[in-house]
Amino acid sequence: MLRACVIDFGKGWVNHLSLVEFSYKNTYHASIKAAPFEALYGQKYRSPVCWAEVGEVQLLSPEIVQETTKKMIQIKQRIQAAHDRQKSYADLKRKPMEFQVEDRVLLKLKLPQELSRVHNTFHVSNLKKCYADEPLAVPLDGLHFYDKLHFVEEPVEIIDREIKRLKRSRILIVKVRWNSR
């Protein structure tokens, strides 16, 4: 964006940097549906024409205001030209796609009631082949979930205890049976 503005202003581009900043911060962005400054701070960005040091009183002539307005229009046009150029490059990589009825784009799954809070639409690229081993399958009836889908795992009983000895210390190892197994 700055490169597009430097072309017009030549060596004096540093003097117009505040105008470029103002133009960028006040330009509407479709992705955030607001200007960047307004989205961040909730108010419009102040015009650089009104910037003055504390204690400095000056009146601006209409010529200065018109010149600043013309430069800001020029900056916006350059930004738009740079945006259009980038969009044309991106559009070259895009290709129109048509889908027929029953084409597989997404896969919808009918999940059990226990997993009703999990979204039922997955992209096919996220799925992997599953080789299920029936004895290792955990029944969903014994599982308990919090409202935010965190698994609640509680100890049921202590199965075994063992003390492991190291050179100068001892570590107590406890084998616990949990409610999920």
N, C-alpha and C. Protein backbone atom coordinates (compact mmCIF):
# COMPACT_ATOMS: atom_id res chain seq x y z
N MET A 1 0.82 -1.18 0.00
CA MET A 1 0.00 0.00 0.00
C MET A 1 0.87 1.25 0.00
N LEU A 2 1.85 1.26 0.85
CA LEU A 2 2.74 2.42 0.93
C LEU A 2 3.51 2.59 -0.37
N ARG A 3 3.89 1.47 -0.98
CA ARG A 3 4.62 1.51 -2.24
C ARG A 3 3.79 2.20 -3.33
N ALA A 4 2.47 1.97 -3.33
CA ALA A 4 1.60 2.58 -4.32
C ALA A 4 1.56 4.10 -4.15
N CYS A 5 1.66 4.58 -2.92
CA CYS A 5 1.61 6.02 -2.66
C CYS A 5 2.95 6.69 -2.92
N VAL A 6 4.04 5.99 -2.75
CA VAL A 6 5.38 6.56 -2.95
C VAL A 6 5.58 6.95 -4.40
N ILE A 7 4.97 6.19 -5.31
CA ILE A 7 5.12 6.48 -6.74
C ILE A 7 4.64 7.89 -7.05
N ASP A 8 3.51 8.29 -6.48
CA ASP A 8 2.96 9.62 -6.77
C ASP A 8 3.72 10.74 -6.08
N PHE A 9 4.15 10.51 -4.85
CA PHE A 9 4.73 11.61 -4.07
C PHE A 9 6.25 11.71 -4.23
N GLY A 10 6.87 10.75 -4.85
CA GLY A 10 8.30 10.81 -5.10
C GLY A 10 9.11 10.91 -3.82
N LYS A 11 10.08 11.84 -3.79
CA LYS A 11 10.96 11.97 -2.63
C LYS A 11 10.27 12.60 -1.43
N GLY A 12 9.14 13.26 -1.64
CA GLY A 12 8.45 13.91 -0.52
C GLY A 12 7.41 13.01 0.14
N TRP A 13 7.53 11.69 -0.04
CA TRP A 13 6.52 10.78 0.49
C TRP A 13 6.49 10.78 2.01
N VAL A 14 7.60 11.09 2.66
CA VAL A 14 7.65 11.10 4.12
C VAL A 14 6.70 12.16 4.68
N ASN A 15 6.58 13.27 3.97
CA ASN A 15 5.69 14.35 4.43
C ASN A 15 4.23 13.93 4.39
N HIS A 16 3.90 12.95 3.56
CA HIS A 16 2.51 12.53 3.39
C HIS A 16 2.20 11.24 4.13
N LEU A 17 3.11 10.78 4.95
CA LEU A 17 2.92 9.51 5.65
C LEU A 17 1.70 9.54 6.56
N SER A 18 1.47 10.67 7.23
CA SER A 18 0.30 10.77 8.11
C SER A 18 -0.99 10.68 7.32
N LEU A 19 -1.00 11.19 6.09
CA LEU A 19 -2.19 11.09 5.25
C LEU A 19 -2.44 9.64 4.82
N VAL A 20 -1.38 8.94 4.51
CA VAL A 20 -1.51 7.53 4.13
C VAL A 20 -2.04 6.73 5.32
N GLU A 21 -1.50 7.00 6.50
CA GLU A 21 -1.96 6.32 7.71
C GLU A 21 -3.44 6.61 7.95
N PHE A 22 -3.82 7.88 7.82
CA PHE A 22 -5.22 8.27 8.00
C PHE A 22 -6.12 7.56 6.99
N SER A 23 -5.68 7.53 5.75
CA SER A 23 -6.49 6.91 4.71
C SER A 23 -6.66 5.42 4.97
N TYR A 24 -5.59 4.75 5.39
CA TYR A 24 -5.68 3.32 5.66
C TYR A 24 -6.60 3.04 6.85
N LYS A 25 -6.43 3.81 7.92
CA LYS A 25 -7.21 3.54 9.13
C LYS A 25 -8.69 3.89 8.96
N ASN A 26 -9.02 4.73 7.97
CA ASN A 26 -10.41 5.11 7.75
C ASN A 26 -11.06 4.36 6.59
N THR A 27 -10.32 3.50 5.91
CA THR A 27 -10.87 2.77 4.77
C THR A 27 -11.66 1.58 5.28
N TYR A 28 -12.86 1.41 4.75
CA TYR A 28 -13.73 0.31 5.13
C TYR A 28 -13.14 -1.02 4.67
N HIS A 29 -13.09 -2.00 5.57
CA HIS A 29 -12.61 -3.33 5.24
C HIS A 29 -13.79 -4.29 5.31
N ALA A 30 -14.04 -4.99 4.22
CA ALA A 30 -15.19 -5.88 4.16
C ALA A 30 -15.04 -7.06 5.13
N SER A 31 -13.81 -7.48 5.39
CA SER A 31 -13.62 -8.65 6.26
C SER A 31 -14.05 -8.37 7.69
N ILE A 32 -13.82 -7.15 8.18
CA ILE A 32 -14.22 -6.82 9.56
C ILE A 32 -15.45 -5.92 9.58
N LYS A 33 -15.96 -5.56 8.39
CA LYS A 33 -17.16 -4.75 8.23
C LYS A 33 -17.06 -3.40 8.94
N ALA A 34 -15.88 -2.83 8.94
CA ALA A 34 -15.63 -1.50 9.53
C ALA A 34 -14.23 -1.05 9.13
N ALA A 35 -13.93 0.19 9.45
CA ALA A 35 -12.56 0.66 9.28
C ALA A 35 -11.71 0.09 10.42
N PRO A 36 -10.42 -0.18 10.20
CA PRO A 36 -9.60 -0.80 11.25
C PRO A 36 -9.58 -0.01 12.55
N PHE A 37 -9.43 1.30 12.48
CA PHE A 37 -9.38 2.10 13.70
C PHE A 37 -10.72 2.05 14.42
N GLU A 38 -11.80 2.14 13.66
CA GLU A 38 -13.13 2.12 14.26
C GLU A 38 -13.43 0.76 14.88
N ALA A 39 -12.97 -0.31 14.24
CA ALA A 39 -13.18 -1.65 14.80
C ALA A 39 -12.41 -1.83 16.10
N LEU A 40 -11.21 -1.24 16.17
CA LEU A 40 -10.36 -1.41 17.35
C LEU A 40 -10.79 -0.53 18.51
N TYR A 41 -11.07 0.75 18.22
CA TYR A 41 -11.34 1.71 19.29
C TYR A 41 -12.80 2.14 19.39
N GLY A 42 -13.63 1.77 18.43
CA GLY A 42 -15.05 2.10 18.50
C GLY A 42 -15.38 3.54 18.15
N GLN A 43 -14.47 4.26 17.54
CA GLN A 43 -14.74 5.63 17.12
C GLN A 43 -13.96 5.92 15.84
N LYS A 44 -14.35 6.98 15.16
CA LYS A 44 -13.68 7.35 13.91
C LYS A 44 -12.29 7.90 14.20
N TYR A 45 -11.39 7.74 13.23
CA TYR A 45 -10.03 8.26 13.33
C TYR A 45 -10.05 9.76 13.05
N ARG A 46 -9.32 10.55 13.84
CA ARG A 46 -9.30 12.01 13.66
C ARG A 46 -8.57 12.38 12.39
N SER A 47 -9.04 13.43 11.75
CA SER A 47 -8.42 13.91 10.52
C SER A 47 -7.06 14.52 10.82
N PRO A 48 -6.04 14.27 9.98
CA PRO A 48 -4.72 14.85 10.23
C PRO A 48 -4.70 16.37 10.03
N VAL A 49 -5.73 16.92 9.42
CA VAL A 49 -5.82 18.37 9.25
C VAL A 49 -5.97 19.04 10.61
N CYS A 50 -6.58 18.36 11.56
CA CYS A 50 -6.85 18.94 12.88
C CYS A 50 -5.74 18.68 13.88
N TRP A 51 -4.70 17.95 13.50
CA TRP A 51 -3.63 17.65 14.44
C TRP A 51 -2.81 18.91 14.70
N ALA A 52 -2.57 19.21 15.93
CA ALA A 52 -1.74 20.36 16.30
C ALA A 52 -1.12 20.08 17.65
N GLU A 53 0.02 20.67 17.90
CA GLU A 53 0.68 20.51 19.19
C GLU A 53 -0.09 21.29 20.25
N VAL A 54 0.05 20.87 21.49
CA VAL A 54 -0.62 21.55 22.59
C VAL A 54 -0.05 22.96 22.72
N GLY A 55 -0.93 23.94 22.82
CA GLY A 55 -0.50 25.33 22.95
C GLY A 55 -0.28 26.01 21.62
N GLU A 56 -0.27 25.25 20.54
CA GLU A 56 -0.04 25.83 19.22
C GLU A 56 -1.41 26.17 18.61
N VAL A 57 -1.63 27.40 18.29
CA VAL A 57 -2.90 27.82 17.72
C VAL A 57 -2.64 28.25 16.29
N GLN A 58 -3.36 27.65 15.38
CA GLN A 58 -3.19 28.03 13.99
C GLN A 58 -4.52 27.83 13.27
N LEU A 59 -4.76 28.67 12.32
CA LEU A 59 -5.94 28.53 11.50
C LEU A 59 -5.50 28.04 10.13
N LEU A 60 -6.23 27.09 9.60
CA LEU A 60 -5.87 26.52 8.32
C LEU A 60 -6.63 27.23 7.21
N SER A 61 -5.95 27.53 6.17
CA SER A 61 -6.61 28.18 5.04
C SER A 61 -7.37 27.13 4.23
N PRO A 62 -8.38 27.55 3.48
CA PRO A 62 -9.14 26.59 2.66
C PRO A 62 -8.27 25.88 1.63
N GLU A 63 -7.18 26.53 1.18
CA GLU A 63 -6.31 25.90 0.19
C GLU A 63 -5.61 24.67 0.78
N ILE A 64 -5.17 24.79 2.03
CA ILE A 64 -4.50 23.66 2.68
C ILE A 64 -5.47 22.50 2.86
N VAL A 65 -6.70 22.82 3.26
CA VAL A 65 -7.71 21.78 3.45
C VAL A 65 -8.02 21.10 2.11
N GLN A 66 -8.15 21.90 1.04
CA GLN A 66 -8.44 21.32 -0.28
C GLN A 66 -7.27 20.48 -0.78
N GLU A 67 -6.06 20.95 -0.56
CA GLU A 67 -4.88 20.20 -0.98
C GLU A 67 -4.79 18.87 -0.24
N THR A 68 -5.06 18.91 1.06
CA THR A 68 -5.05 17.68 1.86
C THR A 68 -6.13 16.73 1.38
N THR A 69 -7.30 17.25 1.09
CA THR A 69 -8.40 16.41 0.61
C THR A 69 -8.05 15.77 -0.73
N LYS A 70 -7.43 16.53 -1.63
CA LYS A 70 -7.02 15.99 -2.93
C LYS A 70 -5.99 14.87 -2.75
N LYS A 71 -5.04 15.08 -1.85
CA LYS A 71 -4.01 14.07 -1.62
C LYS A 71 -4.63 12.80 -1.03
N MET A 72 -5.61 12.98 -0.13
CA MET A 72 -6.25 11.81 0.47
C MET A 72 -7.04 11.04 -0.59
N ILE A 73 -7.69 11.75 -1.50
CA ILE A 73 -8.40 11.08 -2.59
C ILE A 73 -7.41 10.31 -3.47
N GLN A 74 -6.28 10.93 -3.74
CA GLN A 74 -5.24 10.29 -4.54
C GLN A 74 -4.72 9.03 -3.84
N ILE A 75 -4.52 9.13 -2.54
CA ILE A 75 -4.04 7.97 -1.76
C ILE A 75 -5.07 6.85 -1.80
N LYS A 76 -6.34 7.18 -1.63
CA LYS A 76 -7.39 6.15 -1.66
C LYS A 76 -7.44 5.48 -3.02
N GLN A 77 -7.26 6.26 -4.09
CA GLN A 77 -7.27 5.67 -5.43
C GLN A 77 -6.09 4.72 -5.61
N ARG A 78 -4.93 5.10 -5.10
CA ARG A 78 -3.75 4.23 -5.20
C ARG A 78 -3.94 2.95 -4.38
N ILE A 79 -4.52 3.09 -3.20
CA ILE A 79 -4.77 1.91 -2.37
C ILE A 79 -5.75 0.98 -3.09
N GLN A 80 -6.80 1.56 -3.68
CA GLN A 80 -7.78 0.75 -4.41
C GLN A 80 -7.14 0.07 -5.61
N ALA A 81 -6.25 0.78 -6.31
CA ALA A 81 -5.56 0.19 -7.46
C ALA A 81 -4.69 -0.99 -7.01
N ALA A 82 -3.97 -0.82 -5.90
CA ALA A 82 -3.14 -1.91 -5.38
C ALA A 82 -4.01 -3.09 -4.96
N HIS A 83 -5.15 -2.80 -4.35
CA HIS A 83 -6.08 -3.85 -3.93
C HIS A 83 -6.62 -4.60 -5.15
N ASP A 84 -7.01 -3.87 -6.18
CA ASP A 84 -7.54 -4.50 -7.39
C ASP A 84 -6.48 -5.36 -8.08
N ARG A 85 -5.24 -4.89 -8.07
CA ARG A 85 -4.15 -5.65 -8.68
C ARG A 85 -3.93 -6.96 -7.92
N GLN A 86 -3.91 -6.90 -6.59
CA GLN A 86 -3.73 -8.11 -5.79
C GLN A 86 -4.90 -9.07 -6.00
N LYS A 87 -6.11 -8.52 -6.10
CA LYS A 87 -7.29 -9.35 -6.32
C LYS A 87 -7.22 -10.05 -7.67
N SER A 88 -6.74 -9.34 -8.68
CA SER A 88 -6.64 -9.96 -10.01
C SER A 88 -5.63 -11.11 -9.98
N TYR A 89 -4.54 -10.97 -9.22
CA TYR A 89 -3.58 -12.07 -9.08
C TYR A 89 -4.22 -13.27 -8.37
N ALA A 90 -4.98 -12.99 -7.33
CA ALA A 90 -5.62 -14.07 -6.58
C ALA A 90 -6.70 -14.74 -7.41
N ASP A 91 -7.41 -13.96 -8.23
CA ASP A 91 -8.48 -14.54 -9.04
C ASP A 91 -7.95 -15.49 -10.11
N LEU A 92 -6.69 -15.31 -10.52
CA LEU A 92 -6.11 -16.21 -11.51
C LEU A 92 -6.01 -17.63 -10.97
N LYS A 93 -5.81 -17.77 -9.66
CA LYS A 93 -5.67 -19.09 -9.05
C LYS A 93 -7.02 -19.75 -8.79
N ARG A 94 -8.07 -18.95 -8.77
CA ARG A 94 -9.40 -19.50 -8.51
C ARG A 94 -9.99 -20.05 -9.80
N LYS A 95 -10.76 -21.09 -9.67
CA LYS A 95 -11.44 -21.64 -10.83
C LYS A 95 -12.89 -21.91 -10.46
N PRO A 96 -13.78 -21.70 -11.41
CA PRO A 96 -15.20 -21.94 -11.11
C PRO A 96 -15.45 -23.43 -10.95
N MET A 97 -16.20 -23.76 -9.93
CA MET A 97 -16.52 -25.17 -9.68
C MET A 97 -18.03 -25.31 -9.64
N GLU A 98 -18.49 -26.38 -10.23
CA GLU A 98 -19.91 -26.67 -10.21
C GLU A 98 -20.10 -28.01 -9.53
N PHE A 99 -21.13 -28.09 -8.72
CA PHE A 99 -21.43 -29.31 -8.01
C PHE A 99 -22.79 -29.82 -8.44
N GLN A 100 -22.89 -31.12 -8.51
CA GLN A 100 -24.15 -31.76 -8.86
C GLN A 100 -24.81 -32.26 -7.58
N VAL A 101 -26.08 -32.57 -7.68
CA VAL A 101 -26.80 -33.14 -6.55
C VAL A 101 -26.12 -34.46 -6.17
N GLU A 102 -25.94 -34.67 -4.90
CA GLU A 102 -25.32 -35.86 -4.31
C GLU A 102 -23.80 -35.88 -4.45
N ASP A 103 -23.17 -34.76 -4.87
CA ASP A 103 -21.71 -34.68 -4.83
C ASP A 103 -21.27 -34.62 -3.38
N ARG A 104 -20.15 -35.25 -3.07
CA ARG A 104 -19.66 -35.26 -1.70
C ARG A 104 -18.71 -34.09 -1.48
N VAL A 105 -19.19 -33.10 -0.80
CA VAL A 105 -18.37 -31.94 -0.46
C VAL A 105 -18.09 -31.98 1.04
N LEU A 106 -19.12 -32.14 1.82
CA LEU A 106 -19.00 -32.32 3.26
C LEU A 106 -19.71 -33.61 3.63
N LEU A 107 -19.38 -34.14 4.75
CA LEU A 107 -20.01 -35.36 5.20
C LEU A 107 -20.77 -35.07 6.48
N LYS A 108 -22.06 -35.33 6.47
CA LYS A 108 -22.87 -35.13 7.67
C LYS A 108 -23.05 -36.47 8.36
N LEU A 109 -22.83 -36.47 9.65
CA LEU A 109 -22.94 -37.69 10.43
C LEU A 109 -24.09 -37.59 11.40
N LYS A 110 -24.75 -38.70 11.63
CA LYS A 110 -25.79 -38.76 12.65
C LYS A 110 -25.11 -39.28 13.91
N LEU A 111 -24.87 -38.36 14.86
CA LEU A 111 -24.16 -38.73 16.07
C LEU A 111 -25.13 -39.20 17.13
N PRO A 112 -24.66 -40.02 18.07
CA PRO A 112 -25.53 -40.44 19.17
C PRO A 112 -25.92 -39.25 20.05
N GLN A 113 -26.98 -39.40 20.79
CA GLN A 113 -27.50 -38.32 21.63
C GLN A 113 -26.47 -37.85 22.66
N GLU A 114 -25.60 -38.74 23.12
CA GLU A 114 -24.59 -38.36 24.11
C GLU A 114 -23.61 -37.34 23.55
N LEU A 115 -23.41 -37.35 22.24
CA LEU A 115 -22.47 -36.42 21.60
C LEU A 115 -23.22 -35.33 20.84
N SER A 116 -24.36 -34.94 21.34
CA SER A 116 -25.19 -33.95 20.64
C SER A 116 -24.54 -32.57 20.59
N ARG A 117 -23.58 -32.29 21.46
CA ARG A 117 -22.94 -30.97 21.45
C ARG A 117 -21.77 -30.88 20.48
N VAL A 118 -21.39 -32.00 19.89
CA VAL A 118 -20.34 -31.99 18.88
C VAL A 118 -20.99 -31.66 17.55
N HIS A 119 -20.37 -30.80 16.77
CA HIS A 119 -20.95 -30.41 15.48
C HIS A 119 -20.98 -31.62 14.55
N ASN A 120 -22.08 -31.78 13.83
CA ASN A 120 -22.26 -33.00 13.04
C ASN A 120 -21.72 -32.90 11.62
N THR A 121 -21.11 -31.79 11.24
CA THR A 121 -20.57 -31.64 9.88
C THR A 121 -19.06 -31.61 9.94
N PHE A 122 -18.43 -32.50 9.19
CA PHE A 122 -16.98 -32.58 9.13
C PHE A 122 -16.54 -32.46 7.69
N HIS A 123 -15.40 -31.86 7.44
CA HIS A 123 -14.84 -31.86 6.10
C HIS A 123 -14.19 -33.22 5.88
N VAL A 124 -14.34 -33.74 4.69
CA VAL A 124 -13.86 -35.09 4.39
C VAL A 124 -12.36 -35.23 4.64
N SER A 125 -11.60 -34.15 4.42
CA SER A 125 -10.15 -34.24 4.61
C SER A 125 -9.77 -34.46 6.07
N ASN A 126 -10.68 -34.19 7.01
CA ASN A 126 -10.38 -34.39 8.43
C ASN A 126 -10.62 -35.83 8.88
N LEU A 127 -11.24 -36.63 8.06
CA LEU A 127 -11.55 -38.00 8.45
C LEU A 127 -10.40 -38.93 8.10
N LYS A 128 -10.19 -39.92 8.95
CA LYS A 128 -9.16 -40.92 8.71
C LYS A 128 -9.79 -42.30 8.84
N LYS A 129 -9.17 -43.26 8.20
CA LYS A 129 -9.69 -44.61 8.25
C LYS A 129 -9.55 -45.17 9.66
N CYS A 130 -10.58 -45.83 10.14
CA CYS A 130 -10.58 -46.36 11.50
C CYS A 130 -10.60 -47.88 11.45
N TYR A 131 -9.66 -48.48 12.10
CA TYR A 131 -9.64 -49.93 12.25
C TYR A 131 -10.01 -50.22 13.70
N ALA A 132 -11.28 -50.42 13.95
CA ALA A 132 -11.77 -50.58 15.32
C ALA A 132 -11.46 -51.98 15.84
N ASP A 133 -11.08 -52.03 17.09
CA ASP A 133 -10.87 -53.28 17.79
C ASP A 133 -11.99 -53.38 18.82
N GLU A 134 -12.93 -54.27 18.60
CA GLU A 134 -14.14 -54.34 19.43
C GLU A 134 -13.88 -54.45 20.93
N PRO A 135 -12.92 -55.27 21.39
CA PRO A 135 -12.71 -55.35 22.85
C PRO A 135 -12.23 -54.03 23.45
N LEU A 136 -11.58 -53.18 22.65
CA LEU A 136 -11.08 -51.92 23.18
C LEU A 136 -12.10 -50.79 23.11
N ALA A 137 -13.23 -51.02 22.48
CA ALA A 137 -14.23 -49.97 22.33
C ALA A 137 -14.83 -49.63 23.69
N VAL A 138 -14.95 -48.34 23.96
CA VAL A 138 -15.51 -47.87 25.23
C VAL A 138 -16.98 -47.55 25.01
N PRO A 139 -17.89 -48.16 25.79
CA PRO A 139 -19.31 -47.84 25.61
C PRO A 139 -19.60 -46.40 26.04
N LEU A 140 -20.46 -45.74 25.30
CA LEU A 140 -20.78 -44.34 25.60
C LEU A 140 -21.73 -44.20 26.78
N ASP A 141 -22.35 -45.30 27.22
CA ASP A 141 -23.31 -45.21 28.32
C ASP A 141 -22.65 -44.80 29.63
N GLY A 142 -21.41 -45.23 29.86
CA GLY A 142 -20.74 -44.95 31.12
C GLY A 142 -20.02 -43.62 31.16
N LEU A 143 -20.03 -42.85 30.08
CA LEU A 143 -19.31 -41.58 30.03
C LEU A 143 -20.20 -40.45 30.51
N HIS A 144 -19.61 -39.53 31.25
CA HIS A 144 -20.34 -38.35 31.74
C HIS A 144 -19.63 -37.11 31.25
N PHE A 145 -20.40 -36.12 30.81
CA PHE A 145 -19.82 -34.89 30.28
C PHE A 145 -20.37 -33.69 31.03
N TYR A 146 -19.51 -32.68 31.21
CA TYR A 146 -19.96 -31.39 31.72
C TYR A 146 -20.70 -30.66 30.61
N ASP A 147 -21.27 -29.52 30.92
CA ASP A 147 -21.99 -28.73 29.92
C ASP A 147 -21.07 -28.27 28.80
N LYS A 148 -19.82 -28.01 29.09
CA LYS A 148 -18.90 -27.52 28.07
C LYS A 148 -18.12 -28.66 27.42
N LEU A 149 -18.65 -29.86 27.51
CA LEU A 149 -18.11 -31.05 26.87
C LEU A 149 -16.73 -31.45 27.39
N HIS A 150 -16.50 -31.26 28.67
CA HIS A 150 -15.27 -31.76 29.29
C HIS A 150 -15.59 -33.11 29.91
N PHE A 151 -14.73 -34.04 29.69
CA PHE A 151 -14.94 -35.39 30.19
C PHE A 151 -14.72 -35.43 31.70
N VAL A 152 -15.65 -36.05 32.41
CA VAL A 152 -15.54 -36.17 33.86
C VAL A 152 -15.00 -37.57 34.16
N GLU A 153 -13.78 -37.62 34.67
CA GLU A 153 -13.18 -38.90 34.99
C GLU A 153 -12.89 -38.92 36.48
N GLU A 154 -13.44 -39.90 37.17
CA GLU A 154 -13.30 -39.97 38.62
C GLU A 154 -12.70 -41.32 39.01
N PRO A 155 -11.87 -41.33 40.06
CA PRO A 155 -11.32 -42.61 40.52
C PRO A 155 -12.40 -43.43 41.22
N VAL A 156 -12.38 -44.75 40.96
CA VAL A 156 -13.36 -45.64 41.57
C VAL A 156 -12.73 -46.40 42.74
N GLU A 157 -11.54 -46.97 42.49
CA GLU A 157 -10.87 -47.71 43.56
C GLU A 157 -9.37 -47.78 43.29
N ILE A 158 -8.62 -48.03 44.34
CA ILE A 158 -7.18 -48.22 44.22
C ILE A 158 -6.94 -49.71 44.05
N ILE A 159 -6.31 -50.06 42.93
CA ILE A 159 -6.10 -51.47 42.61
C ILE A 159 -4.81 -51.99 43.24
N ASP A 160 -3.75 -51.21 43.17
CA ASP A 160 -2.46 -51.70 43.64
C ASP A 160 -1.59 -50.53 44.09
N ARG A 161 -0.67 -50.80 45.03
CA ARG A 161 0.31 -49.81 45.50
C ARG A 161 1.69 -50.43 45.42
N GLU A 162 2.65 -49.57 45.15
CA GLU A 162 4.02 -50.07 45.06
C GLU A 162 4.96 -48.92 45.41
N ILE A 163 6.04 -49.23 46.10
CA ILE A 163 7.04 -48.22 46.43
C ILE A 163 8.28 -48.52 45.59
N LYS A 164 8.64 -47.54 44.78
CA LYS A 164 9.82 -47.70 43.93
C LYS A 164 10.98 -47.00 44.61
N ARG A 165 12.09 -47.70 44.76
CA ARG A 165 13.25 -47.13 45.45
C ARG A 165 14.27 -46.66 44.43
N LEU A 166 14.71 -45.45 44.62
CA LEU A 166 15.81 -44.91 43.85
C LEU A 166 17.02 -44.86 44.77
N LYS A 167 18.10 -44.22 44.37
CA LYS A 167 19.31 -44.21 45.19
C LYS A 167 19.06 -43.61 46.57
N ARG A 168 18.44 -42.42 46.61
CA ARG A 168 18.26 -41.77 47.90
C ARG A 168 16.81 -41.46 48.23
N SER A 169 15.90 -41.87 47.39
CA SER A 169 14.50 -41.53 47.66
C SER A 169 13.58 -42.69 47.30
N ARG A 170 12.36 -42.57 47.73
CA ARG A 170 11.34 -43.58 47.45
C ARG A 170 10.15 -42.88 46.81
N ILE A 171 9.56 -43.55 45.81
CA ILE A 171 8.40 -42.99 45.12
C ILE A 171 7.25 -43.96 45.27
N LEU A 172 6.10 -43.44 45.73
CA LEU A 172 4.90 -44.25 45.87
C LEU A 172 4.18 -44.27 44.53
N ILE A 173 3.94 -45.46 43.98
CA ILE A 173 3.21 -45.62 42.73
C ILE A 173 1.88 -46.27 43.06
N VAL A 174 0.81 -45.63 42.60
CA VAL A 174 -0.54 -46.11 42.90
C VAL A 174 -1.24 -46.42 41.58
N LYS A 175 -1.83 -47.62 41.47
CA LYS A 175 -2.61 -47.99 40.30
C LYS A 175 -4.08 -47.80 40.65
N VAL A 176 -4.77 -46.96 39.83
CA VAL A 176 -6.15 -46.58 40.13
C VAL A 176 -7.06 -47.04 39.00
N ARG A 177 -8.26 -47.51 39.36
CA ARG A 177 -9.29 -47.81 38.35
C ARG A 177 -10.21 -46.61 38.27
N TRP A 178 -10.39 -46.10 37.05
CA TRP A 178 -11.22 -44.92 36.82
C TRP A 178 -12.61 -45.33 36.34
N ASN A 179 -13.56 -44.42 36.41
CA ASN A 179 -14.93 -44.76 36.03
C ASN A 179 -15.10 -44.93 34.52
N SER A 180 -14.11 -44.57 33.73
CA SER A 180 -14.24 -44.71 32.28
C SER A 180 -13.84 -46.09 31.79
N ARG A 181 -13.25 -46.93 32.64
CA ARG A 181 -12.77 -48.24 32.18
C ARG A 181 -13.34 -49.34 33.02
